[in-house]
Amino acid sequence: MKPKEFINKLKPDALKIQKNHGIPAAVIIAQAALETGWLRHPIKDKYTGKYAYNLFGIKAAGGWSGETVTINTHEIIDNKRVDIEAEFRAYDSYAESILDHMNFLFENPRYKEVLKKDDPIEFARGLQKAGYATDPDYAKKLISIMKSHDLLELNPKNKSENEFTDIDPGHWCYAAAVRLKNEGIVTGFEDGSFKPDQSITRAEMVVILDRLLEGLKFEIVRG
């Protein structure tokens, strides 16, 4: 799967977790990309071929009572790669995997300090420090993925007041978009639903005109 397609597939569920529970969407997607190779190396049972939908390489330990798959994997021990066979958790969907990833972090005390961080880069470093993976370059790889695929833009604290997720500052309507956003007339910039080059529907036009009229009435009354 191509990175852009992969990101778009996971972004809605990752953003829900970020909004409701504070885990950076950028980290969620970067971890999934790293663990599965952008889904080029998905986890599936070595004996049956059963697909696990496991995006984060979470093993079937710690009281897990759900479905599992057996795979060949490896760990880094004393800076040496060691090949092992292990049981991993299996799910029915990617959304279920993302939700369990969140639960996994909240249920493990060693991630308590990590979960206090809302900056994606610091969160990634915290995961490595807490022992999420044995790879000594785990955080570095996550940060590289986040930066090279603009995932840091998914974190609201990385945006200035007038930055948007789906409109480039060089776009011919950018200045007007900033003004209308600040006036509350047009919305949808932050969640990517504005889509500057998409045709407007009659329903959207009605809403915009209604907001304009309300704004004009306010100015008249105030004046």
Protein backbone atom coordinates (compact mmCIF):
# COMPACT_ATOMS: atom_id res chain seq x y z
CA MET A 1 0.00 0.00 0.00
CA LYS A 2 1.27 3.47 -0.84
CA PRO A 3 2.01 5.73 2.16
CA LYS A 4 -0.62 8.32 1.24
CA GLU A 5 -3.32 5.66 0.91
CA PHE A 6 -2.19 4.08 4.17
CA ILE A 7 -2.32 7.42 6.01
CA ASN A 8 -5.78 8.25 4.67
CA LYS A 9 -7.02 4.81 5.69
CA LEU A 10 -5.93 5.16 9.32
CA LYS A 11 -6.28 8.91 9.82
CA PRO A 12 -9.98 9.06 10.83
CA ASP A 13 -9.59 6.52 13.65
CA ALA A 14 -6.21 7.97 14.72
CA LEU A 15 -7.69 11.47 14.94
CA LYS A 16 -10.56 10.18 17.10
CA ILE A 17 -8.06 8.72 19.56
CA GLN A 18 -6.07 11.96 19.53
CA LYS A 19 -9.16 14.08 20.17
CA ASN A 20 -10.71 11.87 22.86
CA HIS A 21 -7.66 10.41 24.59
CA GLY A 22 -4.66 12.60 23.75
CA ILE A 23 -2.42 10.08 21.98
CA PRO A 24 -0.93 11.93 18.98
CA ALA A 25 -2.40 10.71 15.68
CA ALA A 26 1.02 11.22 14.09
CA VAL A 27 2.56 8.64 16.41
CA ILE A 28 -0.29 6.17 15.93
CA ILE A 29 0.08 6.25 12.16
CA ALA A 30 3.89 6.26 12.24
CA GLN A 31 3.97 3.24 14.54
CA ALA A 32 1.56 1.35 12.31
CA ALA A 33 3.63 2.25 9.24
CA LEU A 34 6.87 1.14 10.86
CA GLU A 35 5.50 -2.09 12.32
CA THR A 36 3.82 -3.23 9.09
CA GLY A 37 6.05 -1.61 6.47
CA TRP A 38 3.09 0.45 5.21
CA LEU A 39 1.13 -2.83 5.19
CA ARG A 40 3.63 -4.47 2.89
CA HIS A 41 4.50 -6.82 5.76
CA PRO A 42 1.21 -7.38 7.62
CA ILE A 43 1.09 -9.78 10.55
CA LYS A 44 -0.55 -13.09 9.69
CA ASP A 45 -0.33 -16.60 11.07
CA LYS A 46 2.63 -18.59 9.72
CA TYR A 47 0.63 -21.81 9.74
CA THR A 48 -2.88 -20.80 8.65
CA GLY A 49 -2.32 -17.47 6.91
CA LYS A 50 -4.94 -15.84 9.15
CA TYR A 51 -4.77 -12.05 8.85
CA ALA A 52 -4.33 -10.37 12.25
CA TYR A 53 -5.12 -6.69 11.51
CA ASN A 54 -2.39 -6.08 14.11
CA LEU A 55 -0.88 -2.70 13.22
CA PHE A 56 1.42 -2.26 16.20
CA GLY A 57 3.18 -5.56 16.75
CA ILE A 58 1.49 -6.11 20.11
CA LYS A 59 2.18 -9.60 21.42
CA ALA A 60 -0.47 -11.84 22.98
CA ALA A 61 0.69 -11.35 26.55
CA GLY A 62 -0.47 -9.48 29.64
CA GLY A 63 -3.73 -11.34 30.11
CA TRP A 64 -4.84 -11.14 26.47
CA SER A 65 -7.84 -13.43 25.95
CA GLY A 66 -8.63 -12.65 22.32
CA GLU A 67 -7.60 -14.35 19.08
CA THR A 68 -3.90 -14.83 18.31
CA VAL A 69 -1.59 -15.64 15.42
CA THR A 70 1.87 -17.18 15.40
CA ILE A 71 4.65 -15.52 13.39
CA ASN A 72 8.40 -15.50 12.97
CA THR A 73 9.86 -12.26 14.26
CA HIS A 74 13.00 -10.93 15.92
CA GLU A 75 14.20 -8.84 18.81
CA ILE A 76 17.34 -6.81 19.41
CA ILE A 77 19.18 -8.22 22.42
CA ASP A 78 22.61 -6.84 23.39
CA ASN A 79 22.66 -5.04 20.02
CA LYS A 80 22.25 -8.35 18.21
CA ARG A 81 19.27 -9.55 16.16
CA VAL A 82 17.71 -12.69 17.60
CA ASP A 83 15.09 -14.59 15.56
CA ILE A 84 12.14 -15.93 17.56
CA GLU A 85 8.64 -17.38 17.13
CA ALA A 86 5.94 -15.52 19.03
CA GLU A 87 2.19 -15.17 19.53
CA PHE A 88 0.62 -11.85 18.53
CA ARG A 89 -2.84 -10.39 19.11
CA ALA A 90 -5.38 -10.70 16.29
CA TYR A 91 -8.34 -8.38 15.57
CA ASP A 92 -11.30 -8.12 13.23
CA SER A 93 -10.41 -4.67 11.85
CA TYR A 94 -7.76 -1.95 11.83
CA ALA A 95 -10.05 0.26 13.92
CA GLU A 96 -10.10 -2.45 16.60
CA SER A 97 -6.31 -2.64 16.49
CA ILE A 98 -5.98 1.13 16.95
CA LEU A 99 -8.37 1.05 19.90
CA ASP A 100 -6.51 -1.82 21.54
CA HIS A 101 -3.22 0.02 21.02
CA MET A 102 -4.68 2.90 23.04
CA ASN A 103 -5.88 0.53 25.77
CA PHE A 104 -2.50 -1.20 25.81
CA LEU A 105 -0.73 2.09 26.55
CA PHE A 106 -3.20 3.19 29.22
CA GLU A 107 -3.24 -0.19 30.96
CA ASN A 108 0.56 -0.47 31.27
CA PRO A 109 1.98 1.66 34.14
CA ARG A 110 5.33 2.05 32.36
CA TYR A 111 3.66 4.36 29.81
CA LYS A 112 2.16 6.64 32.46
CA GLU A 113 4.69 9.43 31.88
CA VAL A 114 4.56 9.00 28.10
CA LEU A 115 0.81 9.62 28.05
CA LYS A 116 1.35 13.04 29.62
CA LYS A 117 3.13 14.21 26.48
CA ASP A 118 1.11 15.75 23.64
CA ASP A 119 4.06 16.54 21.39
CA PRO A 120 4.43 13.68 18.86
CA ILE A 121 8.24 13.76 18.85
CA GLU A 122 8.50 13.67 22.63
CA PHE A 123 5.82 10.97 22.71
CA ALA A 124 7.88 8.83 20.32
CA ARG A 125 11.00 9.27 22.45
CA GLY A 126 8.99 8.43 25.54
CA LEU A 127 7.77 5.18 23.99
CA GLN A 128 11.33 4.05 23.37
CA LYS A 129 12.46 5.10 26.83
CA ALA A 130 9.57 3.12 28.35
CA GLY A 131 10.65 0.02 26.44
CA TYR A 132 7.93 -0.25 23.79
CA ALA A 133 10.43 -1.80 21.34
CA THR A 134 13.90 -3.31 21.61
CA ASP A 135 15.16 -1.45 18.53
CA PRO A 136 17.52 1.31 19.81
CA ASP A 137 16.55 3.47 16.81
CA TYR A 138 12.79 3.01 17.27
CA ALA A 139 12.07 6.64 18.18
CA LYS A 140 14.37 7.95 15.48
CA LYS A 141 12.53 5.89 12.87
CA LEU A 142 9.12 7.09 14.09
CA ILE A 143 10.24 10.71 13.99
CA SER A 144 11.64 10.26 10.49
CA ILE A 145 8.29 8.86 9.27
CA MET A 146 6.33 11.67 10.92
CA LYS A 147 8.51 14.36 9.38
CA SER A 148 8.86 12.89 5.90
CA HIS A 149 5.10 12.31 5.53
CA ASP A 150 3.89 15.56 7.17
CA LEU A 151 2.19 13.68 10.00
CA LEU A 152 3.17 16.34 12.52
CA GLU A 153 0.55 18.55 10.89
CA LEU A 154 -2.12 16.31 12.44
CA ASN A 155 -1.22 17.66 15.88
CA PRO A 156 -3.26 20.86 16.56
CA LYS A 157 -0.44 22.31 18.69
CA ASN A 158 1.85 22.25 15.66
CA LYS A 159 -0.46 24.62 13.78
CA SER A 160 -0.50 28.39 14.00
CA GLU A 161 -3.87 30.15 14.14
CA ASN A 162 -4.12 30.47 10.37
CA GLU A 163 -2.65 27.14 9.23
CA PHE A 164 -4.85 24.49 7.62
CA THR A 165 -4.47 20.82 6.83
CA ASP A 166 -5.75 20.87 3.27
CA ILE A 167 -4.96 24.29 1.82
CA ASP A 168 -1.46 25.37 0.92
CA PRO A 169 -0.36 28.93 1.86
CA GLY A 170 0.49 29.41 -1.82
CA HIS A 171 -3.07 28.68 -2.96
CA TRP A 172 -4.74 31.67 -4.64
CA CYS A 173 -7.63 31.67 -2.12
CA TYR A 174 -5.50 31.31 1.02
CA ALA A 175 -5.75 34.96 2.18
CA ALA A 176 -9.53 34.98 1.70
CA ALA A 177 -9.79 31.64 3.49
CA VAL A 178 -7.95 33.08 6.49
CA ARG A 179 -10.33 36.05 6.70
CA LEU A 180 -13.46 33.93 6.34
CA LYS A 181 -12.19 31.41 8.88
CA ASN A 182 -11.53 34.15 11.41
CA GLU A 183 -15.02 35.56 10.82
CA GLY A 184 -16.56 32.14 11.35
CA ILE A 185 -18.17 32.13 7.90
CA VAL A 186 -16.37 29.10 6.43
CA THR A 187 -15.21 26.04 8.35
CA GLY A 188 -13.59 22.68 7.66
CA PHE A 189 -9.95 23.74 7.40
CA GLU A 190 -8.64 21.82 10.40
CA ASP A 191 -10.20 18.44 9.63
CA GLY A 192 -9.43 18.46 5.92
CA SER A 193 -13.05 18.79 4.76
CA PHE A 194 -12.68 22.27 3.22
CA LYS A 195 -11.15 20.92 -0.03
CA PRO A 196 -10.38 24.25 -1.79
CA ASP A 197 -10.62 22.90 -5.34
CA GLN A 198 -13.87 20.96 -4.92
CA SER A 199 -17.14 22.36 -6.28
CA ILE A 200 -19.54 23.82 -3.72
CA THR A 201 -23.02 22.33 -3.27
CA ARG A 202 -26.22 24.35 -3.05
CA ALA A 203 -26.60 23.32 0.58
CA GLU A 204 -23.12 24.63 1.41
CA MET A 205 -23.86 27.86 -0.48
CA VAL A 206 -27.05 28.37 1.56
CA VAL A 207 -25.15 27.94 4.83
CA ILE A 208 -22.43 30.38 3.75
CA LEU A 209 -24.97 33.00 2.64
CA ASP A 210 -26.86 32.57 5.91
CA ARG A 211 -23.66 33.18 7.89
CA LEU A 212 -22.89 36.23 5.76
CA LEU A 213 -26.33 37.69 6.39
CA GLU A 214 -26.04 37.06 10.13
CA GLY A 215 -22.69 38.82 10.09
CA LEU A 216 -24.11 41.80 8.22
CA LYS A 217 -27.04 42.07 10.65
CA PHE A 218 -24.60 42.06 13.56
CA GLU A 219 -22.55 44.86 11.99
CA ILE A 220 -25.69 46.92 11.34
CA VAL A 221 -26.95 46.52 14.91
CA ARG A 222 -23.51 47.21 16.35
CA GLY A 223 -23.09 50.24 14.11
